Amino acid sequence: MKALHDLAAPAKLNLFLHIVGKRDDGYHLLQSVFVLIDWADTLHVERRSDGRLARHDVLGGDLPADDLCLRAARLLQQETGCTLGADIHLEKRLPAGAGMGGGSSDAATTLLALNRLWDLRLPLPRLLALGLKLGADVPFFLGGGPAFVEGIGEILHPITLPEQRFAVIKGPAGLATKEIFSSKLLARSEKLAIVTGFPASAGVAERICEGNGQDFGRNDLQPAAESISSEVRDALTLLSNTFGNARMTGSGAAVFSVLSGDGKDGKDDQSLATLLKAQPSEWTGRICRSLAHHPLAGWAD
């Protein structure tokens, strides 16, 4: 095997996000439910025999010279002593600074692809440990599906959720995670959101999806983000007026609404297109569906 093509690196949404504590090293402890959606980057990875690692931007994007894809590949080389290299071709379609985990997802797909392309055969627990060295969200994208997440994002409890649709939009600017977490407006949940028996308790999954329960549907980072970014405030207003129940995902700056129905009548697509048409061209958005499994689930089994 010399190349792997059309490898998806899907985005995620935080159906809720609660800050429940802080570690001695400054990292905040959270509770959240992460769900994968069908908005994704695409990677094409070719094996090299000279040990060199190179990243190529398929769509001509302006990406960092040393992004998480290259860092993931380099870490895998260092941890295994592998002498092979790779050309990593990235079709970057996910917006940057959105709180949707685009860079972390790219890194996870890179680890899964190179583990197979270099015939390393590392088991999933080993890849999860490597992923955590790259970023707190990376283990989730290696985990294979929706999860209740704790710690700094590395403690994953797989859950099953019904398929959902979402309207997702983002303005042109991103948000600095450090600025949000240092804000005086950063909220903190005084009680744990998860009831005894989660996720098996009757109705909990439905409450998470709907975002209407007392414990769900809130993002503790949102007040700070709204104080920093007028675009987040605008996005929340636009989606709330069009679809209702709008909230921010992750540390911003993307905002989403949970949609009802199967969407076959196309009304939601039309409503979102009308909304975006009225905004500057740098705004972006999509109607997305949740994914029950990562497209590469099982690659490290």
C-alpha atoms as a PDB file:
ATOM      1  CA  MET A   1       0.000   0.000   0.000  1.00  0.00           C
ATOM      2  CA  LYS A   2       1.575   3.271  -1.148  1.00  0.00           C
ATOM      3  CA  ALA A   3      -1.257   5.796  -0.825  1.00  0.00           C
ATOM      4  CA  LEU A   4      -4.600   6.405   0.828  1.00  0.00           C
ATOM      5  CA  HIS A   5      -7.077   8.805  -0.743  1.00  0.00           C
ATOM      6  CA  ASP A   6     -10.314  10.583   0.199  1.00  0.00           C
ATOM      7  CA  LEU A   7      -9.859  10.239   3.956  1.00  0.00           C
ATOM      8  CA  ALA A   8     -12.443  12.267   5.861  1.00  0.00           C
ATOM      9  CA  ALA A   9     -11.586  14.445   8.862  1.00  0.00           C
ATOM     10  CA  PRO A  10     -15.043  15.426  10.146  1.00  0.00           C
ATOM     11  CA  ALA A  11     -15.855  18.342  12.412  1.00  0.00           C
ATOM     12  CA  LYS A  12     -17.542  18.088  15.803  1.00  0.00           C
ATOM     13  CA  LEU A  13     -20.149  20.076  17.691  1.00  0.00           C
ATOM     14  CA  ASN A  14     -20.396  20.433  21.460  1.00  0.00           C
ATOM     15  CA  LEU A  15     -24.063  19.831  22.261  1.00  0.00           C
ATOM     16  CA  PHE A  16     -23.296  21.429  25.605  1.00  0.00           C
ATOM     17  CA  LEU A  17     -20.087  22.441  27.377  1.00  0.00           C
ATOM     18  CA  HIS A  18     -19.766  22.921  31.128  1.00  0.00           C
ATOM     19  CA  ILE A  19     -16.653  24.089  32.966  1.00  0.00           C
ATOM     20  CA  VAL A  20     -16.560  22.122  36.230  1.00  0.00           C
ATOM     21  CA  GLY A  21     -13.095  22.809  37.628  1.00  0.00           C
ATOM     22  CA  LYS A  22      -9.468  23.691  36.954  1.00  0.00           C
ATOM     23  CA  ARG A  23      -6.291  21.650  37.233  1.00  0.00           C
ATOM     24  CA  ASP A  24      -3.144  22.854  38.973  1.00  0.00           C
ATOM     25  CA  ASP A  25      -1.475  23.259  35.571  1.00  0.00           C
ATOM     26  CA  GLY A  26      -4.127  25.744  34.465  1.00  0.00           C
ATOM     27  CA  TYR A  27      -6.160  23.452  32.200  1.00  0.00           C
ATOM     28  CA  HIS A  28      -9.900  23.694  32.752  1.00  0.00           C
ATOM     29  CA  LEU A  29     -11.934  20.575  33.465  1.00  0.00           C
ATOM     30  CA  LEU A  30     -15.086  20.156  31.438  1.00  0.00           C
ATOM     31  CA  GLN A  31     -18.127  18.082  30.772  1.00  0.00           C
ATOM     32  CA  SER A  32     -19.492  17.957  27.258  1.00  0.00           C
ATOM     33  CA  VAL A  33     -21.133  15.828  24.633  1.00  0.00           C
ATOM     34  CA  PHE A  34     -19.207  15.779  21.354  1.00  0.00           C
ATOM     35  CA  VAL A  35     -20.933  14.690  18.165  1.00  0.00           C
ATOM     36  CA  LEU A  36     -19.379  14.260  14.724  1.00  0.00           C
ATOM     37  CA  ILE A  37     -20.985  15.993  11.734  1.00  0.00           C
ATOM     38  CA  ASP A  38     -20.712  15.498   7.988  1.00  0.00           C
ATOM     39  CA  TRP A  39     -18.814  18.753   7.359  1.00  0.00           C
ATOM     40  CA  ALA A  40     -15.234  17.595   6.866  1.00  0.00           C
ATOM     41  CA  ASP A  41     -11.741  18.189   5.545  1.00  0.00           C
ATOM     42  CA  THR A  42     -10.308  15.569   3.195  1.00  0.00           C
ATOM     43  CA  LEU A  43      -6.792  14.115   3.276  1.00  0.00           C
ATOM     44  CA  HIS A  44      -4.807  12.182   0.686  1.00  0.00           C
ATOM     45  CA  VAL A  45      -1.662  10.567   2.093  1.00  0.00           C
ATOM     46  CA  GLU A  46       1.208   9.065   0.073  1.00  0.00           C
ATOM     47  CA  ARG A  47       4.037   7.029   1.573  1.00  0.00           C
ATOM     48  CA  ARG A  48       7.629   8.147   1.064  1.00  0.00           C
ATOM     49  CA  SER A  49      10.709   5.981   1.520  1.00  0.00           C
ATOM     50  CA  ASP A  50      13.099   8.827   2.400  1.00  0.00           C
ATOM     51  CA  GLY A  51      11.594   9.686   5.797  1.00  0.00           C
ATOM     52  CA  ARG A  52      10.629  13.197   4.692  1.00  0.00           C
ATOM     53  CA  LEU A  53       7.303  14.700   5.766  1.00  0.00           C
ATOM     54  CA  ALA A  54       5.586  17.291   3.599  1.00  0.00           C
ATOM     55  CA  ARG A  55       2.158  18.909   3.662  1.00  0.00           C
ATOM     56  CA  HIS A  56       0.459  20.127   0.487  1.00  0.00           C
ATOM     57  CA  ASP A  57      -2.588  22.392   0.335  1.00  0.00           C
ATOM     58  CA  VAL A  58      -4.894  20.989  -2.337  1.00  0.00           C
ATOM     59  CA  LEU A  59      -7.201  24.014  -2.393  1.00  0.00           C
ATOM     60  CA  GLY A  60      -4.428  26.584  -2.164  1.00  0.00           C
ATOM     61  CA  GLY A  61      -5.287  27.597   1.391  1.00  0.00           C
ATOM     62  CA  ASP A  62      -3.055  29.649   3.649  1.00  0.00           C
ATOM     63  CA  LEU A  63      -2.259  27.084   6.345  1.00  0.00           C
ATOM     64  CA  PRO A  64       0.559  27.213   8.914  1.00  0.00           C
ATOM     65  CA  ALA A  65       3.890  25.837   7.751  1.00  0.00           C
ATOM     66  CA  ASP A  66       3.933  23.365  10.661  1.00  0.00           C
ATOM     67  CA  ASP A  67       0.316  22.404  11.313  1.00  0.00           C
ATOM     68  CA  LEU A  68      -1.112  19.571  13.400  1.00  0.00           C
ATOM     69  CA  CYS A  69      -0.933  17.118  10.481  1.00  0.00           C
ATOM     70  CA  LEU A  70       2.844  17.426  10.301  1.00  0.00           C
ATOM     71  CA  ARG A  71       3.177  17.428  14.085  1.00  0.00           C
ATOM     72  CA  ALA A  72       1.112  14.213  14.240  1.00  0.00           C
ATOM     73  CA  ALA A  73       3.242  12.547  11.583  1.00  0.00           C
ATOM     74  CA  ARG A  74       6.476  13.645  13.252  1.00  0.00           C
ATOM     75  CA  LEU A  75       5.296  12.390  16.643  1.00  0.00           C
ATOM     76  CA  LEU A  76       4.383   9.019  15.163  1.00  0.00           C
ATOM     77  CA  GLN A  77       7.860   8.745  13.625  1.00  0.00           C
ATOM     78  CA  GLN A  78       9.542   9.644  16.907  1.00  0.00           C
ATOM     79  CA  GLU A  79       7.460   7.278  19.030  1.00  0.00           C
ATOM     80  CA  THR A  80       7.883   4.260  16.744  1.00  0.00           C
ATOM     81  CA  GLY A  81      11.295   4.822  15.146  1.00  0.00           C
ATOM     82  CA  CYS A  82       9.682   4.557  11.709  1.00  0.00           C
ATOM     83  CA  THR A  83      12.014   5.629   8.889  1.00  0.00           C
ATOM     84  CA  LEU A  84       9.277   6.127   6.309  1.00  0.00           C
ATOM     85  CA  GLY A  85       7.866   9.531   5.373  1.00  0.00           C
ATOM     86  CA  ALA A  86       4.726  10.901   3.794  1.00  0.00           C
ATOM     87  CA  ASP A  87       3.235  13.530   1.529  1.00  0.00           C
ATOM     88  CA  ILE A  88       0.052  14.764   3.195  1.00  0.00           C
ATOM     89  CA  HIS A  89      -2.387  16.487   0.841  1.00  0.00           C
ATOM     90  CA  LEU A  90      -5.063  18.435   2.711  1.00  0.00           C
ATOM     91  CA  GLU A  91      -8.331  19.755   1.281  1.00  0.00           C
ATOM     92  CA  LYS A  92      -9.192  22.291   3.970  1.00  0.00           C
ATOM     93  CA  ARG A  93     -12.958  22.893   3.948  1.00  0.00           C
ATOM     94  CA  LEU A  94     -13.638  23.448   7.645  1.00  0.00           C
ATOM     95  CA  PRO A  95     -13.422  27.049   8.864  1.00  0.00           C
ATOM     96  CA  ALA A  96     -10.535  27.902  11.178  1.00  0.00           C
ATOM     97  CA  GLY A  97     -11.086  29.164  14.717  1.00  0.00           C
ATOM     98  CA  ALA A  98     -14.610  27.779  14.740  1.00  0.00           C
ATOM     99  CA  GLY A  99     -14.536  25.535  17.815  1.00  0.00           C
ATOM    100  CA  MET A 100     -15.347  22.601  15.537  1.00  0.00           C
ATOM    101  CA  GLY A 101     -12.031  20.791  16.021  1.00  0.00           C
ATOM    102  CA  GLY A 102     -10.841  20.994  12.422  1.00  0.00           C
ATOM    103  CA  GLY A 103      -7.117  20.886  13.142  1.00  0.00           C
ATOM    104  CA  SER A 104      -7.517  18.162  15.762  1.00  0.00           C
ATOM    105  CA  SER A 105      -9.584  16.084  13.350  1.00  0.00           C
ATOM    106  CA  ASP A 106      -6.926  16.470  10.648  1.00  0.00           C
ATOM    107  CA  ALA A 107      -4.304  15.269  13.135  1.00  0.00           C
ATOM    108  CA  ALA A 108      -6.404  12.250  14.129  1.00  0.00           C
ATOM    109  CA  THR A 109      -6.988  11.231  10.517  1.00  0.00           C
ATOM    110  CA  THR A 110      -3.252  11.635   9.867  1.00  0.00           C
ATOM    111  CA  LEU A 111      -2.419   9.296  12.776  1.00  0.00           C
ATOM    112  CA  LEU A 112      -4.932   6.683  11.594  1.00  0.00           C
ATOM    113  CA  ALA A 113      -3.752   6.901   7.984  1.00  0.00           C
ATOM    114  CA  LEU A 114      -0.035   6.682   8.726  1.00  0.00           C
ATOM    115  CA  ASN A 115      -0.521   3.906  11.261  1.00  0.00           C
ATOM    116  CA  ARG A 116      -1.933   1.888   8.369  1.00  0.00           C
ATOM    117  CA  LEU A 117       0.255   3.240   5.557  1.00  0.00           C
ATOM    118  CA  TRP A 118       3.466   2.646   7.504  1.00  0.00           C
ATOM    119  CA  ASP A 119       2.170  -0.749   8.737  1.00  0.00           C
ATOM    120  CA  LEU A 120       2.812   0.201  12.369  1.00  0.00           C
ATOM    121  CA  ARG A 121      -0.264  -1.576  13.734  1.00  0.00           C
ATOM    122  CA  LEU A 122      -0.459   0.512  16.906  1.00  0.00           C
ATOM    123  CA  PRO A 123      -3.628  -0.281  18.871  1.00  0.00           C
ATOM    124  CA  LEU A 124      -6.175   2.420  19.584  1.00  0.00           C
ATOM    125  CA  PRO A 125      -5.096   3.015  23.234  1.00  0.00           C
ATOM    126  CA  ARG A 126      -1.573   3.820  22.026  1.00  0.00           C
ATOM    127  CA  LEU A 127      -2.898   6.238  19.394  1.00  0.00           C
ATOM    128  CA  LEU A 128      -5.153   7.892  21.980  1.00  0.00           C
ATOM    129  CA  ALA A 129      -2.115   8.572  24.184  1.00  0.00           C
ATOM    130  CA  LEU A 130      -0.253  10.079  21.234  1.00  0.00           C
ATOM    131  CA  GLY A 131      -3.270  12.134  20.247  1.00  0.00           C
ATOM    132  CA  LEU A 132      -3.485  13.706  23.695  1.00  0.00           C
ATOM    133  CA  LYS A 133       0.071  14.991  23.277  1.00  0.00           C
ATOM    134  CA  LEU A 134      -1.138  16.917  20.221  1.00  0.00           C
ATOM    135  CA  GLY A 135      -4.280  18.410  21.743  1.00  0.00           C
ATOM    136  CA  ALA A 136      -7.158  17.713  24.098  1.00  0.00           C
ATOM    137  CA  ASP A 137      -9.684  17.181  21.255  1.00  0.00           C
ATOM    138  CA  VAL A 138      -7.600  14.731  19.231  1.00  0.00           C
ATOM    139  CA  PRO A 139      -8.529  11.603  21.258  1.00  0.00           C
ATOM    140  CA  PHE A 140     -12.218  12.195  20.529  1.00  0.00           C
ATOM    141  CA  PHE A 141     -11.624  12.082  16.771  1.00  0.00           C
ATOM    142  CA  LEU A 142      -9.748   8.811  17.235  1.00  0.00           C
ATOM    143  CA  GLY A 143     -12.520   7.383  19.414  1.00  0.00           C
ATOM    144  CA  GLY A 144     -14.933   6.565  16.640  1.00  0.00           C
ATOM    145  CA  GLY A 145     -18.248   8.200  17.541  1.00  0.00           C
ATOM    146  CA  PRO A 146     -20.297  10.499  19.786  1.00  0.00           C
ATOM    147  CA  ALA A 147     -19.116  10.659  23.364  1.00  0.00           C
ATOM    148  CA  PHE A 148     -19.718  12.178  26.747  1.00  0.00           C
ATOM    149  CA  VAL A 149     -16.394  13.860  27.464  1.00  0.00           C
ATOM    150  CA  GLU A 150     -14.715  14.708  30.776  1.00  0.00           C
ATOM    151  CA  GLY A 151     -11.323  15.837  32.061  1.00  0.00           C
ATOM    152  CA  ILE A 152      -9.708  18.272  29.633  1.00  0.00           C
ATOM    153  CA  GLY A 153     -11.330  16.331  26.793  1.00  0.00           C
ATOM    154  CA  GLU A 154      -9.384  13.076  27.030  1.00  0.00           C
ATOM    155  CA  ILE A 155     -11.862  10.990  29.066  1.00  0.00           C
ATOM    156  CA  LEU A 156     -14.343   9.533  26.586  1.00  0.00           C
ATOM    157  CA  HIS A 157     -17.553   7.670  27.339  1.00  0.00           C
ATOM    158  CA  PRO A 158     -19.071   6.439  24.035  1.00  0.00           C
ATOM    159  CA  ILE A 159     -22.803   7.079  23.762  1.00  0.00           C
ATOM    160  CA  THR A 160     -25.507   6.440  21.193  1.00  0.00           C
ATOM    161  CA  LEU A 161     -27.573   9.389  20.001  1.00  0.00           C
ATOM    162  CA  PRO A 162     -30.343   9.582  17.416  1.00  0.00           C
ATOM    163  CA  GLU A 163     -29.429  11.257  14.136  1.00  0.00           C
ATOM    164  CA  GLN A 164     -29.761  15.027  14.277  1.00  0.00           C
ATOM    165  CA  ARG A 165     -29.542  17.872  11.800  1.00  0.00           C
ATOM    166  CA  PHE A 166     -27.919  21.214  12.527  1.00  0.00           C
ATOM    167  CA  ALA A 167     -27.654  24.621  10.928  1.00  0.00           C
ATOM    168  CA  VAL A 168     -24.082  25.859  11.455  1.00  0.00           C
ATOM    169  CA  ILE A 169     -22.714  29.311  10.623  1.00  0.00           C
ATOM    170  CA  LYS A 170     -19.506  31.246  11.292  1.00  0.00           C
ATOM    171  CA  GLY A 171     -18.294  34.750  10.586  1.00  0.00           C
ATOM    172  CA  PRO A 172     -14.860  35.479   9.079  1.00  0.00           C
ATOM    173  CA  ALA A 173     -12.984  35.979  12.363  1.00  0.00           C
ATOM    174  CA  GLY A 174     -11.920  33.340  14.827  1.00  0.00           C
ATOM    175  CA  LEU A 175     -11.608  33.458  18.600  1.00  0.00           C
ATOM    176  CA  ALA A 176      -8.504  33.109  20.747  1.00  0.00           C
ATOM    177  CA  THR A 177      -9.129  30.268  23.198  1.00  0.00           C
ATOM    178  CA  LYS A 178      -6.736  31.786  25.737  1.00  0.00           C
ATOM    179  CA  GLU A 179      -8.665  35.072  25.734  1.00  0.00           C
ATOM    180  CA  ILE A 180     -11.953  33.288  26.427  1.00  0.00           C
ATOM    181  CA  PHE A 181     -10.610  31.186  29.288  1.00  0.00           C
ATOM    182  CA  SER A 182      -9.015  34.232  30.926  1.00  0.00           C
ATOM    183  CA  SER A 183     -12.209  36.297  30.702  1.00  0.00           C
ATOM    184  CA  LYS A 184     -13.967  37.379  33.916  1.00  0.00           C
ATOM    185  CA  LEU A 185     -17.214  36.358  32.205  1.00  0.00           C
ATOM    186  CA  LEU A 186     -16.183  32.714  31.952  1.00  0.00           C
ATOM    187  CA  ALA A 187     -19.060  30.788  33.482  1.00  0.00           C
ATOM    188  CA  ARG A 188     -18.674  27.734  35.647  1.00  0.00           C
ATOM    189  CA  SER A 189     -21.177  24.994  36.397  1.00  0.00           C
ATOM    190  CA  GLU A 190     -21.496  24.446  40.129  1.00  0.00           C
ATOM    191  CA  LYS A 191     -23.067  21.002  39.736  1.00  0.00           C
ATOM    192  CA  LEU A 192     -22.322  18.139  37.418  1.00  0.00           C
ATOM    193  CA  ALA A 193     -24.694  17.940  34.488  1.00  0.00           C
ATOM    194  CA  ILE A 194     -24.868  14.200  34.219  1.00  0.00           C
ATOM    195  CA  VAL A 195     -27.507  12.298  36.145  1.00  0.00           C
ATOM    196  CA  THR A 196     -26.876   8.948  37.776  1.00  0.00           C
ATOM    197  CA  GLY A 197     -26.886   6.163  35.231  1.00  0.00           C
ATOM    198  CA  PHE A 198     -25.923   8.315  32.264  1.00  0.00           C
ATOM    199  CA  PRO A 199     -26.138   7.528  29.424  1.00  0.00           C
ATOM    200  CA  ALA A 200     -28.613   4.715  30.071  1.00  0.00           C
ATOM    201  CA  SER A 201     -31.182   6.842  31.924  1.00  0.00           C
ATOM    202  CA  ALA A 202     -34.448   7.183  30.046  1.00  0.00           C
ATOM    203  CA  GLY A 203     -34.759  10.366  28.025  1.00  0.00           C
ATOM    204  CA  VAL A 204     -31.231  11.691  28.652  1.00  0.00           C
ATOM    205  CA  ALA A 205     -30.079  11.233  25.041  1.00  0.00           C
ATOM    206  CA  GLU A 206     -33.170  13.007  23.765  1.00  0.00           C
ATOM    207  CA  ARG A 207     -32.644  15.909  26.190  1.00  0.00           C
ATOM    208  CA  ILE A 208     -29.053  16.279  25.011  1.00  0.00           C
ATOM    209  CA  CYS A 209     -30.109  16.446  21.368  1.00  0.00           C
ATOM    210  CA  GLU A 210     -32.942  18.881  21.984  1.00  0.00           C
ATOM    211  CA  GLY A 211     -30.916  21.092  24.293  1.00  0.00           C
ATOM    212  CA  ASN A 212     -34.031  21.923  26.295  1.00  0.00           C
ATOM    213  CA  GLY A 213     -33.251  20.191  29.595  1.00  0.00           C
ATOM    214  CA  GLN A 214     -32.122  22.157  32.628  1.00  0.00           C
ATOM    215  CA  ASP A 215     -28.687  20.555  32.528  1.00  0.00           C
ATOM    216  CA  PHE A 216     -28.119  20.586  28.778  1.00  0.00           C
ATOM    217  CA  GLY A 217     -27.835  23.002  25.876  1.00  0.00           C
ATOM    218  CA  ARG A 218     -25.567  25.526  27.602  1.00  0.00           C
ATOM    219  CA  ASN A 219     -22.006  26.480  26.699  1.00  0.00           C
ATOM    220  CA  ASP A 220     -20.192  28.033  29.658  1.00  0.00           C
ATOM    221  CA  LEU A 221     -17.746  29.734  27.267  1.00  0.00           C
ATOM    222  CA  GLN A 222     -20.475  31.591  25.386  1.00  0.00           C
ATOM    223  CA  PRO A 223     -20.871  34.665  27.648  1.00  0.00           C
ATOM    224  CA  ALA A 224     -17.143  35.381  27.418  1.00  0.00           C
ATOM    225  CA  ALA A 225     -17.145  34.824  23.646  1.00  0.00           C
ATOM    226  CA  GLU A 226     -20.100  37.162  23.168  1.00  0.00           C
ATOM    227  CA  SER A 227     -18.302  39.897  25.112  1.00  0.00           C
ATOM    228  CA  ILE A 228     -15.237  39.531  22.867  1.00  0.00           C
ATOM    229  CA  SER A 229     -16.764  38.974  19.431  1.00  0.00           C
ATOM    230  CA  SER A 230     -19.586  40.913  17.785  1.00  0.00           C
ATOM    231  CA  GLU A 231     -19.662  38.212  15.101  1.00  0.00           C
ATOM    232  CA  VAL A 232     -20.574  35.556  17.678  1.00  0.00           C
ATOM    233  CA  ARG A 233     -23.352  37.819  18.953  1.00  0.00           C
ATOM    234  CA  ASP A 234     -24.564  38.400  15.388  1.00  0.00           C
ATOM    235  CA  ALA A 235     -24.424  34.688  14.530  1.00  0.00           C
ATOM    236  CA  LEU A 236     -26.443  33.781  17.621  1.00  0.00           C
ATOM    237  CA  THR A 237     -29.078  36.376  16.749  1.00  0.00           C
ATOM    238  CA  LEU A 238     -29.269  35.322  13.098  1.00  0.00           C
ATOM    239  CA  LEU A 239     -29.669  31.624  13.853  1.00  0.00           C
ATOM    240  CA  SER A 240     -32.065  32.203  16.738  1.00  0.00           C
ATOM    241  CA  ASN A 241     -34.294  34.341  14.539  1.00  0.00           C
ATOM    242  CA  THR A 242     -34.225  31.793  11.726  1.00  0.00           C
ATOM    243  CA  PHE A 243     -34.144  28.403  13.478  1.00  0.00           C
ATOM    244  CA  GLY A 244     -34.272  29.033  17.236  1.00  0.00           C
ATOM    245  CA  ASN A 245     -32.203  27.433  20.073  1.00  0.00           C
ATOM    246  CA  ALA A 246     -28.862  28.809  18.820  1.00  0.00           C
ATOM    247  CA  ARG A 247     -25.701  28.260  20.846  1.00  0.00           C
ATOM    248  CA  MET A 248     -21.944  28.281  20.361  1.00  0.00           C
ATOM    249  CA  THR A 249     -19.848  25.163  19.906  1.00  0.00           C
ATOM    250  CA  GLY A 250     -16.533  24.640  21.685  1.00  0.00           C
ATOM    251  CA  SER A 251     -14.561  27.827  22.231  1.00  0.00           C
ATOM    252  CA  GLY A 252     -16.199  29.464  19.177  1.00  0.00           C
ATOM    253  CA  ALA A 253     -16.699  31.113  16.835  1.00  0.00           C
ATOM    254  CA  ALA A 254     -19.184  28.801  15.052  1.00  0.00           C
ATOM    255  CA  VAL A 255     -22.798  28.771  16.204  1.00  0.00           C
ATOM    256  CA  PHE A 256     -25.395  26.077  15.575  1.00  0.00           C
ATOM    257  CA  SER A 257     -29.105  25.355  15.917  1.00  0.00           C
ATOM    258  CA  VAL A 258     -30.705  21.932  16.275  1.00  0.00           C
ATOM    259  CA  LEU A 259     -33.217  21.358  13.468  1.00  0.00           C
ATOM    260  CA  SER A 260     -36.408  19.338  13.493  1.00  0.00           C
ATOM    261  CA  GLY A 261     -37.734  17.057  10.769  1.00  0.00           C
ATOM    262  CA  ASP A 262     -35.829  15.158   8.093  1.00  0.00           C
ATOM    263  CA  GLY A 263     -35.072  18.177   5.906  1.00  0.00           C
ATOM    264  CA  LYS A 264     -36.289  16.516   2.719  1.00  0.00           C
ATOM    265  CA  ASP A 265     -38.435  19.525   1.800  1.00  0.00           C
ATOM    266  CA  GLY A 266     -35.295  21.668   1.492  1.00  0.00           C
ATOM    267  CA  LYS A 267     -36.766  24.561   3.500  1.00  0.00           C
ATOM    268  CA  ASP A 268     -33.898  24.624   5.990  1.00  0.00           C
ATOM    269  CA  ASP A 269     -31.320  24.718   3.180  1.00  0.00           C
ATOM    270  CA  GLN A 270     -33.185  27.579   1.556  1.00  0.00           C
ATOM    271  CA  SER A 271     -33.490  29.486   4.843  1.00  0.00           C
ATOM    272  CA  LEU A 272     -29.758  29.146   5.528  1.00  0.00           C
ATOM    273  CA  ALA A 273     -28.866  30.207   1.974  1.00  0.00           C
ATOM    274  CA  THR A 274     -31.044  33.316   2.375  1.00  0.00           C
ATOM    275  CA  LEU A 275     -29.450  34.094   5.731  1.00  0.00           C
ATOM    276  CA  LEU A 276     -25.894  33.792   4.369  1.00  0.00           C
ATOM    277  CA  LYS A 277     -26.690  35.755   1.219  1.00  0.00           C
ATOM    278  CA  ALA A 278     -27.515  38.761   3.376  1.00  0.00           C
ATOM    279  CA  GLN A 279     -24.105  38.577   5.097  1.00  0.00           C
ATOM    280  CA  PRO A 280     -20.642  39.516   3.791  1.00  0.00           C
ATOM    281  CA  SER A 281     -19.062  36.897   1.541  1.00  0.00           C
ATOM    282  CA  GLU A 282     -16.632  35.767   4.259  1.00  0.00           C
ATOM    283  CA  TRP A 283     -19.459  34.223   6.280  1.00  0.00           C
ATOM    284  CA  THR A 284     -19.895  30.495   5.837  1.00  0.00           C
ATOM    285  CA  GLY A 285     -22.381  27.854   6.911  1.00  0.00           C
ATOM    286  CA  ARG A 286     -23.991  24.515   6.173  1.00  0.00           C
ATOM    287  CA  ILE A 287     -26.888  22.262   7.055  1.00  0.00           C
ATOM    288  CA  CYS A 288     -25.168  19.262   8.639  1.00  0.00           C
ATOM    289  CA  ARG A 289     -26.140  15.813   9.849  1.00  0.00           C
ATOM    290  CA  SER A 290     -24.642  14.005  12.800  1.00  0.00           C
ATOM    291  CA  LEU A 291     -22.534  10.902  12.207  1.00  0.00           C
ATOM    292  CA  ALA A 292     -23.065   7.729  14.221  1.00  0.00           C
ATOM    293  CA  HIS A 293     -19.460   6.673  13.524  1.00  0.00           C
ATOM    294  CA  HIS A 294     -16.233   8.280  12.321  1.00  0.00           C
ATOM    295  CA  PRO A 295     -15.585   7.355   8.659  1.00  0.00           C
ATOM    296  CA  LEU A 296     -12.323   5.676   9.765  1.00  0.00           C
ATOM    297  CA  ALA A 297     -13.733   3.965  12.858  1.00  0.00           C
ATOM    298  CA  GLY A 298     -12.057   0.628  13.437  1.00  0.00           C
ATOM    299  CA  TRP A 299      -8.846   1.483  11.601  1.00  0.00           C
ATOM    300  CA  ALA A 300      -6.772   0.994  14.753  1.00  0.00           C
ATOM    301  CA  ASP A 301      -8.559  -2.107  16.067  1.00  0.00           C
END
